[in-house]
Amino acid sequence: MGKVLSDTDIKQFFNDGFLFPYEVFTEDEASEIAMRFESMEAELGEEMQNRFRNKAQLPFPWLCELVANARLLAAVEDLIGPDILCWGSSFFTKKARDPRFISWHADDFVYGFDPAETVTAWLAFHPSTVESRCVKYIPASHKSVAMHEFIPNSDNLARNGQTAIGIDEKTAIHAVLKPGQVVFHHQGVVHGSGPNNADHPMVGFSIHYTAPHVGETRFEGATATLLRGEDKYGFWGKDPSPKDDFDQNCIDHMEETRALFNQLTKRKIASGNYTNA
């Protein structure tokens, strides 16, 4: 039995590659988070997802506190153990009646972790429903290597248009969430979402966790934030900490990391290696 997850929950995660719903915040608390996010976007003058990817939490003390939420980490601990690092996060935003989508893909496509055991917590800021095209998952797809092809599309929020092929969409499970709830998923599970047909926005905050024994194999100097336990392996350097919102030092580090990820992904695409290996 885990700290907050049942044995059935934990078994389901490892069998299916995902688990939901798990409540981290009440709907009132989630509403406050959504309003703070909207205020942040208004100050920025553009969508957060345009610039704040890979380590979106880093430049904002309140988001750093969010990824370290004790109730959230208790569930993460049940899935990956007591030593927890956050290596990054990203925003995924669809406005009301938004035609943008996220193609079927496995996160592995743009990762280089060994062993491939990272976990993402996708936190809903707004109602994530079938109508608003919540995230959908292909059960147990993390147990095999997802093949991808490269299909550029200006409406696709998936980086570089990576698209998993041979997907049986009839098996897909909709991760319906209330604001403040989370769906956890394994880095290898195939998932995606369609255009938002609802009259409200749908913002998801994807938070990426790993245990310290998992290392980044594609480049030297990968960084993360130790949130719980200890790091006995030393594979990860330390992320900077923000002093205020829009901390420039943290923005610089985030942008350097994002540029490196993009460079490596483009090199992978150019090589013709469209698997997630």
C-alpha atoms as a PDB file:
ATOM      1  CA  MET A   1       0.000   0.000   0.000  1.00  0.00           C
ATOM      2  CA  GLY A   2       1.329   3.423  -0.933  1.00  0.00           C
ATOM      3  CA  LYS A   3       1.115   6.592   1.126  1.00  0.00           C
ATOM      4  CA  VAL A   4      -1.894   7.959  -0.750  1.00  0.00           C
ATOM      5  CA  LEU A   5      -2.412   5.553  -3.645  1.00  0.00           C
ATOM      6  CA  SER A   6      -3.899   2.101  -3.202  1.00  0.00           C
ATOM      7  CA  ASP A   7      -2.225  -1.071  -4.431  1.00  0.00           C
ATOM      8  CA  THR A   8      -4.890  -1.157  -7.144  1.00  0.00           C
ATOM      9  CA  ASP A   9      -4.015   2.399  -8.210  1.00  0.00           C
ATOM     10  CA  ILE A  10      -0.314   1.621  -8.403  1.00  0.00           C
ATOM     11  CA  LYS A  11      -0.906  -1.608 -10.308  1.00  0.00           C
ATOM     12  CA  GLN A  12      -3.169   0.219 -12.736  1.00  0.00           C
ATOM     13  CA  PHE A  13      -0.513   2.861 -13.399  1.00  0.00           C
ATOM     14  CA  PHE A  14       2.118   0.297 -14.273  1.00  0.00           C
ATOM     15  CA  ASN A  15      -0.316  -1.837 -16.298  1.00  0.00           C
ATOM     16  CA  ASP A  16      -1.942   0.990 -18.272  1.00  0.00           C
ATOM     17  CA  GLY A  17       0.804   3.610 -18.206  1.00  0.00           C
ATOM     18  CA  PHE A  18      -1.471   6.257 -16.674  1.00  0.00           C
ATOM     19  CA  LEU A  19      -3.663   6.907 -13.633  1.00  0.00           C
ATOM     20  CA  PHE A  20      -6.458   9.419 -12.944  1.00  0.00           C
ATOM     21  CA  PRO A  21      -8.100  11.276 -11.341  1.00  0.00           C
ATOM     22  CA  TYR A  22      -6.023  12.331  -8.372  1.00  0.00           C
ATOM     23  CA  GLU A  23      -7.079  15.502  -6.566  1.00  0.00           C
ATOM     24  CA  VAL A  24      -4.274  17.854  -5.610  1.00  0.00           C
ATOM     25  CA  PHE A  25      -6.250  21.095  -5.262  1.00  0.00           C
ATOM     26  CA  THR A  26      -9.896  21.874  -4.597  1.00  0.00           C
ATOM     27  CA  GLU A  27     -11.827  23.496  -7.438  1.00  0.00           C
ATOM     28  CA  ASP A  28     -11.697  26.839  -5.584  1.00  0.00           C
ATOM     29  CA  GLU A  29      -7.917  26.538  -5.225  1.00  0.00           C
ATOM     30  CA  ALA A  30      -7.646  25.584  -8.894  1.00  0.00           C
ATOM     31  CA  SER A  31      -9.686  28.661  -9.822  1.00  0.00           C
ATOM     32  CA  GLU A  32      -7.177  30.853  -7.983  1.00  0.00           C
ATOM     33  CA  ILE A  33      -4.326  29.117  -9.811  1.00  0.00           C
ATOM     34  CA  ALA A  34      -6.064  29.667 -13.165  1.00  0.00           C
ATOM     35  CA  MET A  35      -6.577  33.370 -12.398  1.00  0.00           C
ATOM     36  CA  ARG A  36      -2.938  33.767 -11.423  1.00  0.00           C
ATOM     37  CA  PHE A  37      -1.936  32.039 -14.658  1.00  0.00           C
ATOM     38  CA  GLU A  38      -4.165  34.369 -16.690  1.00  0.00           C
ATOM     39  CA  SER A  39      -2.658  37.390 -14.928  1.00  0.00           C
ATOM     40  CA  MET A  40       0.812  36.075 -15.749  1.00  0.00           C
ATOM     41  CA  GLU A  41      -0.112  35.695 -19.421  1.00  0.00           C
ATOM     42  CA  ALA A  42      -1.545  39.220 -19.467  1.00  0.00           C
ATOM     43  CA  GLU A  43       1.724  40.569 -18.070  1.00  0.00           C
ATOM     44  CA  LEU A  44       3.705  38.563 -20.614  1.00  0.00           C
ATOM     45  CA  GLY A  45       1.505  39.692 -23.518  1.00  0.00           C
ATOM     46  CA  GLU A  46       1.392  36.261 -25.153  1.00  0.00           C
ATOM     47  CA  GLU A  47       0.606  32.645 -24.357  1.00  0.00           C
ATOM     48  CA  MET A  48       2.871  31.174 -21.702  1.00  0.00           C
ATOM     49  CA  GLN A  49       3.330  28.027 -23.801  1.00  0.00           C
ATOM     50  CA  ASN A  50       5.049  30.066 -26.524  1.00  0.00           C
ATOM     51  CA  ARG A  51       8.079  30.673 -24.326  1.00  0.00           C
ATOM     52  CA  PHE A  52       7.749  28.682 -21.114  1.00  0.00           C
ATOM     53  CA  ARG A  53       8.474  25.071 -21.978  1.00  0.00           C
ATOM     54  CA  ASN A  54      10.790  22.357 -20.637  1.00  0.00           C
ATOM     55  CA  LYS A  55      11.396  24.155 -17.317  1.00  0.00           C
ATOM     56  CA  ALA A  56       8.373  26.458 -17.198  1.00  0.00           C
ATOM     57  CA  GLN A  57       8.206  26.449 -13.411  1.00  0.00           C
ATOM     58  CA  LEU A  58      11.719  27.752 -12.870  1.00  0.00           C
ATOM     59  CA  PRO A  59      11.205  31.528 -13.304  1.00  0.00           C
ATOM     60  CA  PHE A  60       8.248  31.643 -10.878  1.00  0.00           C
ATOM     61  CA  PRO A  61       8.457  31.007  -7.111  1.00  0.00           C
ATOM     62  CA  TRP A  62       4.743  30.126  -6.905  1.00  0.00           C
ATOM     63  CA  LEU A  63       5.070  27.492  -9.642  1.00  0.00           C
ATOM     64  CA  CYS A  64       8.140  26.053  -7.929  1.00  0.00           C
ATOM     65  CA  GLU A  65       5.980  25.718  -4.819  1.00  0.00           C
ATOM     66  CA  LEU A  66       3.228  24.099  -6.881  1.00  0.00           C
ATOM     67  CA  VAL A  67       5.485  21.350  -8.290  1.00  0.00           C
ATOM     68  CA  ALA A  68       6.669  20.672  -4.716  1.00  0.00           C
ATOM     69  CA  ASN A  69       3.116  20.385  -3.318  1.00  0.00           C
ATOM     70  CA  ALA A  70       3.163  17.769  -0.543  1.00  0.00           C
ATOM     71  CA  ARG A  71      -0.020  15.984  -1.636  1.00  0.00           C
ATOM     72  CA  LEU A  72       1.238  15.793  -5.213  1.00  0.00           C
ATOM     73  CA  LEU A  73       4.645  14.469  -4.154  1.00  0.00           C
ATOM     74  CA  ALA A  74       3.030  11.841  -1.921  1.00  0.00           C
ATOM     75  CA  ALA A  75       1.447  10.253  -5.005  1.00  0.00           C
ATOM     76  CA  VAL A  76       4.624  10.639  -7.054  1.00  0.00           C
ATOM     77  CA  GLU A  77       6.520   8.884  -4.270  1.00  0.00           C
ATOM     78  CA  ASP A  78       4.122   5.949  -4.504  1.00  0.00           C
ATOM     79  CA  LEU A  79       5.029   5.665  -8.194  1.00  0.00           C
ATOM     80  CA  ILE A  80       8.802   6.294  -8.296  1.00  0.00           C
ATOM     81  CA  GLY A  81      10.038   6.051  -4.720  1.00  0.00           C
ATOM     82  CA  PRO A  82      11.030   8.439  -1.911  1.00  0.00           C
ATOM     83  CA  ASP A  83      13.782  10.322  -3.778  1.00  0.00           C
ATOM     84  CA  ILE A  84      12.154  12.781  -6.186  1.00  0.00           C
ATOM     85  CA  LEU A  85      13.583  15.241  -8.693  1.00  0.00           C
ATOM     86  CA  CYS A  86      11.620  17.637 -10.886  1.00  0.00           C
ATOM     87  CA  TRP A  87      13.537  18.061 -14.125  1.00  0.00           C
ATOM     88  CA  GLY A  88      11.000  20.263 -15.900  1.00  0.00           C
ATOM     89  CA  SER A  89       7.481  21.314 -16.819  1.00  0.00           C
ATOM     90  CA  SER A  90       5.490  22.804 -19.693  1.00  0.00           C
ATOM     91  CA  PHE A  91       2.185  24.557 -20.310  1.00  0.00           C
ATOM     92  CA  PHE A  92      -0.322  23.298 -22.857  1.00  0.00           C
ATOM     93  CA  THR A  93      -3.051  25.814 -23.611  1.00  0.00           C
ATOM     94  CA  LYS A  94      -6.175  25.638 -25.742  1.00  0.00           C
ATOM     95  CA  LYS A  95      -8.528  28.575 -25.767  1.00  0.00           C
ATOM     96  CA  ALA A  96     -12.296  28.177 -26.025  1.00  0.00           C
ATOM     97  CA  ARG A  97     -13.262  26.759 -29.438  1.00  0.00           C
ATOM     98  CA  ASP A  98      -9.571  26.366 -30.241  1.00  0.00           C
ATOM     99  CA  PRO A  99      -8.676  24.303 -33.364  1.00  0.00           C
ATOM    100  CA  ARG A 100      -5.266  23.352 -32.006  1.00  0.00           C
ATOM    101  CA  PHE A 101      -4.563  19.755 -31.015  1.00  0.00           C
ATOM    102  CA  ILE A 102      -1.800  17.475 -29.799  1.00  0.00           C
ATOM    103  CA  SER A 103      -1.031  14.520 -32.058  1.00  0.00           C
ATOM    104  CA  TRP A 104      -0.716  10.966 -30.776  1.00  0.00           C
ATOM    105  CA  HIS A 105       2.796  10.646 -29.391  1.00  0.00           C
ATOM    106  CA  ALA A 106       4.960   9.211 -26.643  1.00  0.00           C
ATOM    107  CA  ASP A 107       7.077  11.660 -24.645  1.00  0.00           C
ATOM    108  CA  ASP A 108       9.971   9.257 -25.192  1.00  0.00           C
ATOM    109  CA  PHE A 109      10.280  10.719 -28.684  1.00  0.00           C
ATOM    110  CA  VAL A 110      11.980  13.844 -27.329  1.00  0.00           C
ATOM    111  CA  TYR A 111      13.579  12.246 -24.262  1.00  0.00           C
ATOM    112  CA  GLY A 112      16.902  10.549 -23.680  1.00  0.00           C
ATOM    113  CA  PHE A 113      16.491   9.079 -20.196  1.00  0.00           C
ATOM    114  CA  ASP A 114      17.976   5.785 -19.027  1.00  0.00           C
ATOM    115  CA  PRO A 115      16.205   3.908 -17.608  1.00  0.00           C
ATOM    116  CA  ALA A 116      12.998   5.213 -19.233  1.00  0.00           C
ATOM    117  CA  GLU A 117      11.062   5.590 -15.987  1.00  0.00           C
ATOM    118  CA  THR A 118      10.051   9.244 -15.667  1.00  0.00           C
ATOM    119  CA  VAL A 119       6.518  10.254 -14.667  1.00  0.00           C
ATOM    120  CA  THR A 120       4.481  13.279 -15.722  1.00  0.00           C
ATOM    121  CA  ALA A 121       1.706  14.833 -13.641  1.00  0.00           C
ATOM    122  CA  TRP A 122      -0.729  16.695 -15.939  1.00  0.00           C
ATOM    123  CA  LEU A 123      -2.581  19.221 -13.767  1.00  0.00           C
ATOM    124  CA  ALA A 124      -5.893  20.652 -15.011  1.00  0.00           C
ATOM    125  CA  PHE A 125      -6.432  24.387 -14.457  1.00  0.00           C
ATOM    126  CA  HIS A 126      -9.915  24.191 -16.052  1.00  0.00           C
ATOM    127  CA  PRO A 127     -12.503  21.424 -16.616  1.00  0.00           C
ATOM    128  CA  SER A 128     -10.811  18.817 -18.777  1.00  0.00           C
ATOM    129  CA  THR A 129     -13.705  17.033 -20.467  1.00  0.00           C
ATOM    130  CA  VAL A 130     -14.523  15.036 -23.575  1.00  0.00           C
ATOM    131  CA  GLU A 131     -15.984  18.227 -25.074  1.00  0.00           C
ATOM    132  CA  SER A 132     -12.866  20.266 -24.351  1.00  0.00           C
ATOM    133  CA  ARG A 133     -10.822  17.356 -25.698  1.00  0.00           C
ATOM    134  CA  CYS A 134      -9.033  16.183 -22.591  1.00  0.00           C
ATOM    135  CA  VAL A 135      -5.894  14.095 -22.882  1.00  0.00           C
ATOM    136  CA  LYS A 136      -6.539  10.592 -24.253  1.00  0.00           C
ATOM    137  CA  TYR A 137      -4.342   7.573 -23.594  1.00  0.00           C
ATOM    138  CA  ILE A 138      -3.741   4.246 -25.308  1.00  0.00           C
ATOM    139  CA  PRO A 139      -3.633   1.711 -22.439  1.00  0.00           C
ATOM    140  CA  ALA A 140      -0.437  -0.348 -22.060  1.00  0.00           C
ATOM    141  CA  SER A 141       1.213   1.397 -25.024  1.00  0.00           C
ATOM    142  CA  HIS A 142       4.244   2.110 -22.845  1.00  0.00           C
ATOM    143  CA  LYS A 143       5.098  -1.591 -22.951  1.00  0.00           C
ATOM    144  CA  SER A 144       6.311  -1.380 -26.553  1.00  0.00           C
ATOM    145  CA  VAL A 145       8.281   1.116 -28.632  1.00  0.00           C
ATOM    146  CA  ALA A 146       6.043   3.693 -30.311  1.00  0.00           C
ATOM    147  CA  MET A 147       6.960   4.390 -33.917  1.00  0.00           C
ATOM    148  CA  HIS A 148       6.584   8.001 -35.023  1.00  0.00           C
ATOM    149  CA  GLU A 149       6.426   9.960 -38.224  1.00  0.00           C
ATOM    150  CA  PHE A 150       7.011  13.678 -38.676  1.00  0.00           C
ATOM    151  CA  ILE A 151       3.914  15.637 -39.784  1.00  0.00           C
ATOM    152  CA  PRO A 152       4.273  19.430 -39.456  1.00  0.00           C
ATOM    153  CA  ASN A 153       0.988  21.215 -38.749  1.00  0.00           C
ATOM    154  CA  SER A 154       0.613  24.761 -37.451  1.00  0.00           C
ATOM    155  CA  ASP A 155      -2.291  23.682 -35.220  1.00  0.00           C
ATOM    156  CA  ASN A 156      -0.318  20.864 -33.598  1.00  0.00           C
ATOM    157  CA  LEU A 157       0.971  21.747 -30.127  1.00  0.00           C
ATOM    158  CA  ALA A 158       3.241  18.695 -30.110  1.00  0.00           C
ATOM    159  CA  ARG A 159       6.795  19.796 -30.686  1.00  0.00           C
ATOM    160  CA  ASN A 160       7.905  19.265 -34.304  1.00  0.00           C
ATOM    161  CA  GLY A 161       4.699  17.464 -35.266  1.00  0.00           C
ATOM    162  CA  GLN A 162       5.799  14.037 -34.040  1.00  0.00           C
ATOM    163  CA  THR A 163       2.947  11.576 -34.556  1.00  0.00           C
ATOM    164  CA  ALA A 164       2.745   7.971 -33.385  1.00  0.00           C
ATOM    165  CA  ILE A 165       1.627   5.574 -36.113  1.00  0.00           C
ATOM    166  CA  GLY A 166      -0.443   2.387 -35.998  1.00  0.00           C
ATOM    167  CA  ILE A 167      -2.609   3.620 -33.123  1.00  0.00           C
ATOM    168  CA  ASP A 168      -5.927   1.907 -32.443  1.00  0.00           C
ATOM    169  CA  GLU A 169      -7.955   4.929 -31.374  1.00  0.00           C
ATOM    170  CA  LYS A 170     -10.934   2.753 -30.407  1.00  0.00           C
ATOM    171  CA  THR A 171      -8.996   1.689 -27.303  1.00  0.00           C
ATOM    172  CA  ALA A 172      -8.333   5.276 -26.144  1.00  0.00           C
ATOM    173  CA  ILE A 173      -9.313   6.326 -22.623  1.00  0.00           C
ATOM    174  CA  HIS A 174     -10.340   9.934 -21.943  1.00  0.00           C
ATOM    175  CA  ALA A 175      -8.692  11.379 -18.822  1.00  0.00           C
ATOM    176  CA  VAL A 176     -11.617  13.512 -17.653  1.00  0.00           C
ATOM    177  CA  LEU A 177     -10.497  15.838 -14.846  1.00  0.00           C
ATOM    178  CA  LYS A 178     -12.009  18.505 -12.652  1.00  0.00           C
ATOM    179  CA  PRO A 179      -9.931  21.649 -12.087  1.00  0.00           C
ATOM    180  CA  GLY A 180      -7.210  20.806  -9.576  1.00  0.00           C
ATOM    181  CA  GLN A 181      -7.044  17.131 -10.488  1.00  0.00           C
ATOM    182  CA  VAL A 182      -4.096  15.332 -12.042  1.00  0.00           C
ATOM    183  CA  VAL A 183      -3.526  12.481 -14.448  1.00  0.00           C
ATOM    184  CA  PHE A 184      -0.173  10.729 -14.023  1.00  0.00           C
ATOM    185  CA  HIS A 185       1.458   9.110 -17.026  1.00  0.00           C
ATOM    186  CA  HIS A 186       4.564   7.110 -17.854  1.00  0.00           C
ATOM    187  CA  GLN A 187       6.932   8.679 -20.364  1.00  0.00           C
ATOM    188  CA  GLY A 188       6.384   5.862 -22.854  1.00  0.00           C
ATOM    189  CA  VAL A 189       2.579   5.834 -23.005  1.00  0.00           C
ATOM    190  CA  VAL A 190       0.981   7.122 -26.220  1.00  0.00           C
ATOM    191  CA  HIS A 191      -1.359  10.055 -25.694  1.00  0.00           C
ATOM    192  CA  GLY A 192      -2.837  13.075 -27.461  1.00  0.00           C
ATOM    193  CA  SER A 193      -5.822  15.413 -27.523  1.00  0.00           C
ATOM    194  CA  GLY A 194      -8.108  17.065 -30.067  1.00  0.00           C
ATOM    195  CA  PRO A 195      -9.338  20.622 -30.685  1.00  0.00           C
ATOM    196  CA  ASN A 196     -11.216  22.271 -27.823  1.00  0.00           C
ATOM    197  CA  ASN A 197     -14.946  22.309 -28.657  1.00  0.00           C
ATOM    198  CA  ALA A 198     -15.967  23.809 -25.302  1.00  0.00           C
ATOM    199  CA  ASP A 199     -16.793  27.422 -24.511  1.00  0.00           C
ATOM    200  CA  HIS A 200     -14.060  27.602 -21.886  1.00  0.00           C
ATOM    201  CA  PRO A 201     -10.274  27.358 -22.125  1.00  0.00           C
ATOM    202  CA  MET A 202      -8.371  24.222 -21.202  1.00  0.00           C
ATOM    203  CA  VAL A 203      -4.945  24.733 -19.688  1.00  0.00           C
ATOM    204  CA  GLY A 204      -2.793  21.835 -18.573  1.00  0.00           C
ATOM    205  CA  PHE A 205       0.458  22.103 -16.631  1.00  0.00           C
ATOM    206  CA  SER A 206       2.681  19.084 -17.268  1.00  0.00           C
ATOM    207  CA  ILE A 207       5.169  18.493 -14.453  1.00  0.00           C
ATOM    208  CA  HIS A 208       7.999  16.034 -15.048  1.00  0.00           C
ATOM    209  CA  TYR A 209       9.368  13.948 -12.177  1.00  0.00           C
ATOM    210  CA  THR A 210      12.112  11.363 -11.959  1.00  0.00           C
ATOM    211  CA  ALA A 211      14.043   9.341  -9.419  1.00  0.00           C
ATOM    212  CA  PRO A 212      17.762  10.234  -9.185  1.00  0.00           C
ATOM    213  CA  HIS A 213      18.923   6.879 -10.624  1.00  0.00           C
ATOM    214  CA  VAL A 214      17.506   7.971 -14.007  1.00  0.00           C
ATOM    215  CA  GLY A 215      20.026   9.892 -16.096  1.00  0.00           C
ATOM    216  CA  GLU A 216      19.947  12.075 -19.226  1.00  0.00           C
ATOM    217  CA  THR A 217      22.002  10.246 -21.881  1.00  0.00           C
ATOM    218  CA  ARG A 218      21.991  12.810 -24.700  1.00  0.00           C
ATOM    219  CA  PHE A 219      24.062  15.584 -23.162  1.00  0.00           C
ATOM    220  CA  GLU A 220      26.190  16.510 -20.182  1.00  0.00           C
ATOM    221  CA  GLY A 221      25.057  18.961 -17.525  1.00  0.00           C
ATOM    222  CA  ALA A 222      21.354  18.107 -17.210  1.00  0.00           C
ATOM    223  CA  THR A 223      19.795  19.835 -14.205  1.00  0.00           C
ATOM    224  CA  ALA A 224      16.839  19.285 -11.902  1.00  0.00           C
ATOM    225  CA  THR A 225      15.464  20.273  -8.491  1.00  0.00           C
ATOM    226  CA  LEU A 226      15.590  17.786  -5.628  1.00  0.00           C
ATOM    227  CA  LEU A 227      12.175  17.928  -3.977  1.00  0.00           C
ATOM    228  CA  ARG A 228      12.216  14.977  -1.617  1.00  0.00           C
ATOM    229  CA  GLY A 229      14.754  12.488  -0.261  1.00  0.00           C
ATOM    230  CA  GLU A 230      18.342  12.475  -1.500  1.00  0.00           C
ATOM    231  CA  ASP A 231      20.341  12.079  -4.682  1.00  0.00           C
ATOM    232  CA  LYS A 232      22.899   9.304  -4.278  1.00  0.00           C
ATOM    233  CA  TYR A 233      23.849   9.171  -7.969  1.00  0.00           C
ATOM    234  CA  GLY A 234      24.950  12.645  -9.025  1.00  0.00           C
ATOM    235  CA  PHE A 235      23.571  12.427 -12.571  1.00  0.00           C
ATOM    236  CA  TRP A 236      21.815  15.783 -12.220  1.00  0.00           C
ATOM    237  CA  GLY A 237      23.122  19.274 -11.597  1.00  0.00           C
ATOM    238  CA  LYS A 238      21.072  21.774  -9.622  1.00  0.00           C
ATOM    239  CA  ASP A 239      18.486  24.071 -11.183  1.00  0.00           C
ATOM    240  CA  PRO A 240      18.670  27.765 -10.205  1.00  0.00           C
ATOM    241  CA  SER A 241      15.992  29.115  -7.870  1.00  0.00           C
ATOM    242  CA  PRO A 242      13.878  32.174  -8.716  1.00  0.00           C
ATOM    243  CA  LYS A 243      13.898  35.271  -6.539  1.00  0.00           C
ATOM    244  CA  ASP A 244      10.808  36.841  -8.122  1.00  0.00           C
ATOM    245  CA  ASP A 245       8.365  36.090 -10.940  1.00  0.00           C
ATOM    246  CA  PHE A 246      10.007  36.222 -14.366  1.00  0.00           C
ATOM    247  CA  ASP A 247      13.424  35.728 -12.761  1.00  0.00           C
ATOM    248  CA  GLN A 248      15.848  36.428 -15.628  1.00  0.00           C
ATOM    249  CA  ASN A 249      18.554  33.999 -14.521  1.00  0.00           C
ATOM    250  CA  CYS A 250      15.987  31.191 -14.453  1.00  0.00           C
ATOM    251  CA  ILE A 251      14.519  32.285 -17.802  1.00  0.00           C
ATOM    252  CA  ASP A 252      18.001  32.121 -19.341  1.00  0.00           C
ATOM    253  CA  HIS A 253      18.547  28.617 -17.981  1.00  0.00           C
ATOM    254  CA  MET A 254      15.112  27.496 -19.177  1.00  0.00           C
ATOM    255  CA  GLU A 255      15.720  28.863 -22.678  1.00  0.00           C
ATOM    256  CA  GLU A 256      19.153  27.266 -22.901  1.00  0.00           C
ATOM    257  CA  THR A 257      17.659  23.906 -21.941  1.00  0.00           C
ATOM    258  CA  ARG A 258      14.775  24.284 -24.382  1.00  0.00           C
ATOM    259  CA  ALA A 259      17.151  25.202 -27.216  1.00  0.00           C
ATOM    260  CA  LEU A 260      19.252  22.125 -26.504  1.00  0.00           C
ATOM    261  CA  PHE A 261      16.169  19.860 -26.471  1.00  0.00           C
ATOM    262  CA  ASN A 262      14.994  21.352 -29.774  1.00  0.00           C
ATOM    263  CA  GLN A 263      18.423  20.958 -31.359  1.00  0.00           C
ATOM    264  CA  LEU A 264      18.658  17.312 -30.347  1.00  0.00           C
ATOM    265  CA  THR A 265      15.130  16.566 -31.569  1.00  0.00           C
ATOM    266  CA  LYS A 266      15.783  18.199 -34.939  1.00  0.00           C
ATOM    267  CA  ARG A 267      18.972  16.162 -35.253  1.00  0.00           C
ATOM    268  CA  LYS A 268      16.981  13.013 -34.509  1.00  0.00           C
ATOM    269  CA  ILE A 269      14.371  13.891 -37.140  1.00  0.00           C
ATOM    270  CA  ALA A 270      17.075  14.672 -39.705  1.00  0.00           C
ATOM    271  CA  SER A 271      18.674  11.285 -39.041  1.00  0.00           C
ATOM    272  CA  GLY A 272      15.439   9.545 -40.020  1.00  0.00           C
ATOM    273  CA  ASN A 273      15.174   7.862 -36.622  1.00  0.00           C
ATOM    274  CA  TYR A 274      11.485   8.334 -35.896  1.00  0.00           C
ATOM    275  CA  THR A 275      11.263   5.780 -33.107  1.00  0.00           C
ATOM    276  CA  ASN A 276      11.455   6.710 -29.457  1.00  0.00           C
ATOM    277  CA  ALA A 277      14.677   4.775 -29.064  1.00  0.00           C
END
